[in-house]
């Protein structure tokens, strides 16, 4: 898998996890959902996300 696919997988999993935790634990877990949404929004314009840098340092191949 490539960095882009891992990024989508991790973001989706964390959003779903934070929604479940907000429902059954504490509503403040929705801040995680908001943070991930903001990062995805800014990456649409800058083509950079902190998770992309982290994944590249782990050796995940780029899509190009």
PDB file of N, CA and C in Angstrom:
ATOM      1  N   UNK A   1       0.846  -1.190   0.000  1.00  0.00           N
ATOM      2  CA  UNK A   1       0.000   0.000   0.000  1.00  0.00           C
ATOM      3  C   UNK A   1       0.884   1.243   0.000  1.00  0.00           C
ATOM      4  N   UNK A   2       0.306   2.319  -0.458  1.00  0.00           N
ATOM      5  CA  UNK A   2       1.041   3.572  -0.555  1.00  0.00           C
ATOM      6  C   UNK A   2       0.689   4.489   0.618  1.00  0.00           C
ATOM      7  N   UNK A   3       1.423   5.587   0.712  1.00  0.00           N
ATOM      8  CA  UNK A   3       1.203   6.574   1.765  1.00  0.00           C
ATOM      9  C   UNK A   3      -0.232   7.096   1.723  1.00  0.00           C
ATOM     10  N   UNK A   4      -0.735   7.379   0.537  1.00  0.00           N
ATOM     11  CA  UNK A   4      -2.096   7.914   0.411  1.00  0.00           C
ATOM     12  C   UNK A   4      -3.146   6.946   0.943  1.00  0.00           C
ATOM     13  N   UNK A   5      -2.976   5.668   0.626  1.00  0.00           N
ATOM     14  CA  UNK A   5      -3.948   4.668   1.084  1.00  0.00           C
ATOM     15  C   UNK A   5      -3.859   4.475   2.598  1.00  0.00           C
ATOM     16  N   UNK A   6      -2.638   4.434   3.131  1.00  0.00           N
ATOM     17  CA  UNK A   6      -2.483   4.323   4.575  1.00  0.00           C
ATOM     18  C   UNK A   6      -3.075   5.536   5.279  1.00  0.00           C
ATOM     19  N   UNK A   7      -2.875   6.715   4.697  1.00  0.00           N
ATOM     20  CA  UNK A   7      -3.411   7.938   5.287  1.00  0.00           C
ATOM     21  C   UNK A   7      -4.929   7.872   5.390  1.00  0.00           C
ATOM     22  N   UNK A   8      -5.588   7.443   4.326  1.00  0.00           N
ATOM     23  CA  UNK A   8      -7.050   7.308   4.348  1.00  0.00           C
ATOM     24  C   UNK A   8      -7.499   6.252   5.346  1.00  0.00           C
ATOM     25  N   UNK A   9      -6.772   5.140   5.394  1.00  0.00           N
ATOM     26  CA  UNK A   9      -7.105   4.061   6.318  1.00  0.00           C
ATOM     27  C   UNK A   9      -6.995   4.519   7.773  1.00  0.00           C
ATOM     28  N   UNK A  10      -5.893   5.170   8.113  1.00  0.00           N
ATOM     29  CA  UNK A  10      -5.672   5.623   9.477  1.00  0.00           C
ATOM     30  C   UNK A  10      -6.668   6.712   9.862  1.00  0.00           C
ATOM     31  N   UNK A  11      -6.886   7.674   8.970  1.00  0.00           N
ATOM     32  CA  UNK A  11      -7.839   8.750   9.267  1.00  0.00           C
ATOM     33  C   UNK A  11      -9.240   8.195   9.475  1.00  0.00           C
ATOM     34  N   UNK A  12      -9.666   7.309   8.607  1.00  0.00           N
ATOM     35  CA  UNK A  12     -10.996   6.722   8.745  1.00  0.00           C
ATOM     36  C   UNK A  12     -11.142   5.916  10.022  1.00  0.00           C
ATOM     37  N   UNK A  13     -10.138   5.131  10.344  1.00  0.00           N
ATOM     38  CA  UNK A  13     -10.185   4.320  11.563  1.00  0.00           C
ATOM     39  C   UNK A  13     -10.214   5.190  12.811  1.00  0.00           C
ATOM     40  N   UNK A  14      -9.397   6.244  12.831  1.00  0.00           N
ATOM     41  CA  UNK A  14      -9.379   7.132  14.000  1.00  0.00           C
ATOM     42  C   UNK A  14     -10.681   7.918  14.155  1.00  0.00           C
ATOM     43  N   UNK A  15     -11.270   8.303  13.041  1.00  0.00           N
ATOM     44  CA  UNK A  15     -12.556   9.005  13.113  1.00  0.00           C
ATOM     45  C   UNK A  15     -13.628   8.079  13.672  1.00  0.00           C
ATOM     46  N   UNK A  16     -13.691   6.857  13.155  1.00  0.00           N
ATOM     47  CA  UNK A  16     -14.681   5.909  13.665  1.00  0.00           C
ATOM     48  C   UNK A  16     -14.440   5.589  15.140  1.00  0.00           C
ATOM     49  N   UNK A  17     -13.185   5.409  15.525  1.00  0.00           N
ATOM     50  CA  UNK A  17     -12.859   5.131  16.919  1.00  0.00           C
ATOM     51  C   UNK A  17     -13.264   6.285  17.828  1.00  0.00           C
ATOM     52  N   UNK A  18     -12.968   7.513  17.412  1.00  0.00           N
ATOM     53  CA  UNK A  18     -13.318   8.665  18.244  1.00  0.00           C
ATOM     54  C   UNK A  18     -14.831   8.842  18.351  1.00  0.00           C
ATOM     55  N   UNK A  19     -15.570   8.501  17.300  1.00  0.00           N
ATOM     56  CA  UNK A  19     -17.032   8.563  17.371  1.00  0.00           C
ATOM     57  C   UNK A  19     -17.593   7.538  18.355  1.00  0.00           C
ATOM     58  N   UNK A  20     -17.037   6.338  18.324  1.00  0.00           N
ATOM     59  CA  UNK A  20     -17.480   5.312  19.271  1.00  0.00           C
ATOM     60  C   UNK A  20     -17.127   5.712  20.697  1.00  0.00           C
ATOM     61  N   UNK A  21     -15.923   6.222  20.896  1.00  0.00           N
ATOM     62  CA  UNK A  21     -15.515   6.655  22.238  1.00  0.00           C
ATOM     63  C   UNK A  21     -16.351   7.834  22.726  1.00  0.00           C
ATOM     64  N   UNK A  22     -16.711   8.736  21.829  1.00  0.00           N
ATOM     65  CA  UNK A  22     -17.570   9.861  22.214  1.00  0.00           C
ATOM     66  C   UNK A  22     -18.948   9.383  22.610  1.00  0.00           C
ATOM     67  N   UNK A  23     -19.429   8.360  21.948  1.00  0.00           N
ATOM     68  CA  UNK A  23     -20.770   7.834  22.257  1.00  0.00           C
ATOM     69  C   UNK A  23     -20.806   7.108  23.587  1.00  0.00           C
ATOM     70  N   UNK A  24     -19.783   6.304  23.871  1.00  0.00           N
ATOM     71  CA  UNK A  24     -19.813   5.442  25.040  1.00  0.00           C
ATOM     72  C   UNK A  24     -18.923   5.908  26.194  1.00  0.00           C
ATOM     73  N   UNK A  25     -18.068   6.883  25.983  1.00  0.00           N
ATOM     74  CA  UNK A  25     -17.162   7.307  27.046  1.00  0.00           C
ATOM     75  C   UNK A  25     -17.340   8.775  27.405  1.00  0.00           C
ATOM     76  N   UNK A  26     -16.830   9.651  26.528  1.00  0.00           N
ATOM     77  CA  UNK A  26     -16.855  11.085  26.812  1.00  0.00           C
ATOM     78  C   UNK A  26     -16.977  11.845  25.493  1.00  0.00           C
ATOM     79  N   UNK A  27     -17.863  12.820  25.484  1.00  0.00           N
ATOM     80  CA  UNK A  27     -18.140  13.578  24.257  1.00  0.00           C
ATOM     81  C   UNK A  27     -16.911  14.369  23.785  1.00  0.00           C
ATOM     82  N   UNK A  28     -15.951  14.588  24.652  1.00  0.00           N
ATOM     83  CA  UNK A  28     -14.743  15.341  24.265  1.00  0.00           C
ATOM     84  C   UNK A  28     -13.874  14.597  23.259  1.00  0.00           C
ATOM     85  N   UNK A  29     -14.150  13.319  23.032  1.00  0.00           N
ATOM     86  CA  UNK A  29     -13.432  12.585  22.003  1.00  0.00           C
ATOM     87  C   UNK A  29     -13.726  13.139  20.615  1.00  0.00           C
ATOM     88  N   UNK A  30     -14.792  13.920  20.490  1.00  0.00           N
ATOM     89  CA  UNK A  30     -15.112  14.526  19.193  1.00  0.00           C
ATOM     90  C   UNK A  30     -14.069  15.564  18.774  1.00  0.00           C
ATOM     91  N   UNK A  31     -13.276  16.058  19.725  1.00  0.00           N
ATOM     92  CA  UNK A  31     -12.176  16.956  19.363  1.00  0.00           C
ATOM     93  C   UNK A  31     -11.173  16.245  18.466  1.00  0.00           C
ATOM     94  N   UNK A  32     -10.964  14.954  18.684  1.00  0.00           N
ATOM     95  CA  UNK A  32     -10.071  14.174  17.818  1.00  0.00           C
ATOM     96  C   UNK A  32     -10.624  14.143  16.402  1.00  0.00           C
ATOM     97  N   UNK A  33     -11.925  13.918  16.285  1.00  0.00           N
ATOM     98  CA  UNK A  33     -12.568  13.914  14.969  1.00  0.00           C
ATOM     99  C   UNK A  33     -12.385  15.258  14.273  1.00  0.00           C
ATOM    100  N   UNK A  34     -12.587  16.343  15.010  1.00  0.00           N
ATOM    101  CA  UNK A  34     -12.407  17.683  14.450  1.00  0.00           C
ATOM    102  C   UNK A  34     -10.973  17.941  14.028  1.00  0.00           C
ATOM    103  N   UNK A  35     -10.013  17.495  14.836  1.00  0.00           N
ATOM    104  CA  UNK A  35      -8.603  17.682  14.511  1.00  0.00           C
ATOM    105  C   UNK A  35      -8.234  16.942  13.229  1.00  0.00           C
ATOM    106  N   UNK A  36      -8.707  15.715  13.089  1.00  0.00           N
ATOM    107  CA  UNK A  36      -8.427  14.943  11.884  1.00  0.00           C
ATOM    108  C   UNK A  36      -9.073  15.601  10.670  1.00  0.00           C
ATOM    109  N   UNK A  37     -10.305  16.083  10.832  1.00  0.00           N
ATOM    110  CA  UNK A  37     -10.975  16.774   9.736  1.00  0.00           C
ATOM    111  C   UNK A  37     -10.231  18.020   9.293  1.00  0.00           C
ATOM    112  N   UNK A  38      -9.745  18.801  10.250  1.00  0.00           N
ATOM    113  CA  UNK A  38      -8.967  19.999   9.915  1.00  0.00           C
ATOM    114  C   UNK A  38      -7.684  19.650   9.178  1.00  0.00           C
ATOM    115  N   UNK A  39      -7.004  18.598   9.614  1.00  0.00           N
ATOM    116  CA  UNK A  39      -5.781  18.185   8.934  1.00  0.00           C
ATOM    117  C   UNK A  39      -6.063  17.714   7.511  1.00  0.00           C
ATOM    118  N   UNK A  40      -7.142  16.974   7.321  1.00  0.00           N
ATOM    119  CA  UNK A  40      -7.489  16.535   5.966  1.00  0.00           C
ATOM    120  C   UNK A  40      -7.865  17.715   5.083  1.00  0.00           C
ATOM    121  N   UNK A  41      -8.568  18.692   5.660  1.00  0.00           N
ATOM    122  CA  UNK A  41      -8.956  19.878   4.910  1.00  0.00           C
ATOM    123  C   UNK A  41      -7.730  20.673   4.461  1.00  0.00           C
ATOM    124  N   UNK A  42      -6.793  20.918   5.376  1.00  0.00           N
ATOM    125  CA  UNK A  42      -5.612  21.694   4.984  1.00  0.00           C
ATOM    126  C   UNK A  42      -4.726  20.913   4.033  1.00  0.00           C
ATOM    127  N   UNK A  43      -4.708  19.573   4.137  1.00  0.00           N
ATOM    128  CA  UNK A  43      -3.867  18.797   3.226  1.00  0.00           C
ATOM    129  C   UNK A  43      -4.411  18.809   1.798  1.00  0.00           C
ATOM    130  N   UNK A  44      -5.694  19.085   1.639  1.00  0.00           N
ATOM    131  CA  UNK A  44      -6.258  19.200   0.290  1.00  0.00           C
ATOM    132  C   UNK A  44      -5.651  20.385  -0.452  1.00  0.00           C
ATOM    133  N   UNK A  45      -5.257  21.416   0.279  1.00  0.00           N
ATOM    134  CA  UNK A  45      -4.682  22.610  -0.341  1.00  0.00           C
ATOM    135  C   UNK A  45      -3.161  22.580  -0.374  1.00  0.00           C
ATOM    136  N   UNK A  46      -2.533  21.969   0.620  1.00  0.00           N
ATOM    137  CA  UNK A  46      -1.074  22.004   0.719  1.00  0.00           C
ATOM    138  C   UNK A  46      -0.405  20.715   0.283  1.00  0.00           C
ATOM    139  N   UNK A  47      -1.189  19.626   0.147  1.00  0.00           N
ATOM    140  CA  UNK A  47      -0.663  18.298  -0.166  1.00  0.00           C
ATOM    141  C   UNK A  47       0.363  17.846   0.869  1.00  0.00           C
ATOM    142  N   UNK A  48       0.183  18.258   2.129  1.00  0.00           N
ATOM    143  CA  UNK A  48       1.046  17.846   3.221  1.00  0.00           C
ATOM    144  C   UNK A  48       0.198  17.562   4.449  1.00  0.00           C
ATOM    145  N   UNK A  49       0.516  16.482   5.115  1.00  0.00           N
ATOM    146  CA  UNK A  49      -0.164  16.097   6.339  1.00  0.00           C
ATOM    147  C   UNK A  49       0.902  15.514   7.266  1.00  0.00           C
ATOM    148  N   UNK A  50       0.845  15.786   8.558  1.00  0.00           N
ATOM    149  CA  UNK A  50       1.850  15.228   9.473  1.00  0.00           C
ATOM    150  C   UNK A  50       1.943  13.705   9.399  1.00  0.00           C
ATOM    151  N   UNK A  51       0.834  13.034   9.211  1.00  0.00           N
ATOM    152  CA  UNK A  51       0.858  11.569   9.127  1.00  0.00           C
ATOM    153  C   UNK A  51       1.603  11.099   7.889  1.00  0.00           C
ATOM    154  N   UNK A  52       1.548  11.864   6.803  1.00  0.00           N
ATOM    155  CA  UNK A  52       2.286  11.497   5.590  1.00  0.00           C
ATOM    156  C   UNK A  52       3.781  11.493   5.860  1.00  0.00           C
ATOM    157  N   UNK A  53       4.267  12.503   6.574  1.00  0.00           N
ATOM    158  CA  UNK A  53       5.685  12.580   6.919  1.00  0.00           C
ATOM    159  C   UNK A  53       6.081  11.399   7.786  1.00  0.00           C
ATOM    160  N   UNK A  54       5.242  11.083   8.768  1.00  0.00           N
ATOM    161  CA  UNK A  54       5.499   9.961   9.661  1.00  0.00           C
ATOM    162  C   UNK A  54       5.558   8.642   8.888  1.00  0.00           C
ATOM    163  N   UNK A  55       4.609   8.430   7.984  1.00  0.00           N
ATOM    164  CA  UNK A  55       4.583   7.194   7.206  1.00  0.00           C
ATOM    165  C   UNK A  55       5.787   7.079   6.277  1.00  0.00           C
ATOM    166  N   UNK A  56       6.209   8.191   5.688  1.00  0.00           N
ATOM    167  CA  UNK A  56       7.375   8.172   4.808  1.00  0.00           C
ATOM    168  C   UNK A  56       8.634   7.826   5.591  1.00  0.00           C
ATOM    169  N   UNK A  57       8.736   8.313   6.834  1.00  0.00           N
ATOM    170  CA  UNK A  57       9.909   7.978   7.667  1.00  0.00           C
ATOM    171  C   UNK A  57       9.894   6.505   8.064  1.00  0.00           C
ATOM    172  N   UNK A  58       8.707   5.895   8.108  1.00  0.00           N
ATOM    173  CA  UNK A  58       8.605   4.474   8.383  1.00  0.00           C
ATOM    174  C   UNK A  58       8.936   3.618   7.172  1.00  0.00           C
ATOM    175  N   UNK A  59       9.090   4.258   6.009  1.00  0.00           N
ATOM    176  CA  UNK A  59       9.473   3.540   4.800  1.00  0.00           C
ATOM    177  C   UNK A  59       8.353   3.127   3.885  1.00  0.00           C
ATOM    178  N   UNK A  60       7.150   3.670   4.116  1.00  0.00           N
ATOM    179  CA  UNK A  60       6.022   3.363   3.236  1.00  0.00           C
ATOM    180  C   UNK A  60       6.261   4.075   1.905  1.00  0.00           C
ATOM    181  N   UNK A  61       6.048   3.363   0.828  1.00  0.00           N
ATOM    182  CA  UNK A  61       6.332   3.958  -0.495  1.00  0.00           C
ATOM    183  C   UNK A  61       5.311   5.017  -0.881  1.00  0.00           C
ATOM    184  N   UNK A  62       5.792   5.994  -1.636  1.00  0.00           N
ATOM    185  CA  UNK A  62       4.918   7.058  -2.132  1.00  0.00           C
ATOM    186  C   UNK A  62       4.127   6.569  -3.324  1.00  0.00           C
ATOM    187  N   UNK A  63       3.082   7.316  -3.670  1.00  0.00           N
ATOM    188  CA  UNK A  63       2.227   6.913  -4.783  1.00  0.00           C
ATOM    189  C   UNK A  63       2.847   7.201  -6.133  1.00  0.00           C
ATOM    190  N   UNK A  64       3.876   7.984  -6.178  1.00  0.00           N
ATOM    191  CA  UNK A  64       4.499   8.326  -7.463  1.00  0.00           C
ATOM    192  C   UNK A  64       5.629   7.391  -7.794  1.00  0.00           C
TER     193      UNK A  64
END
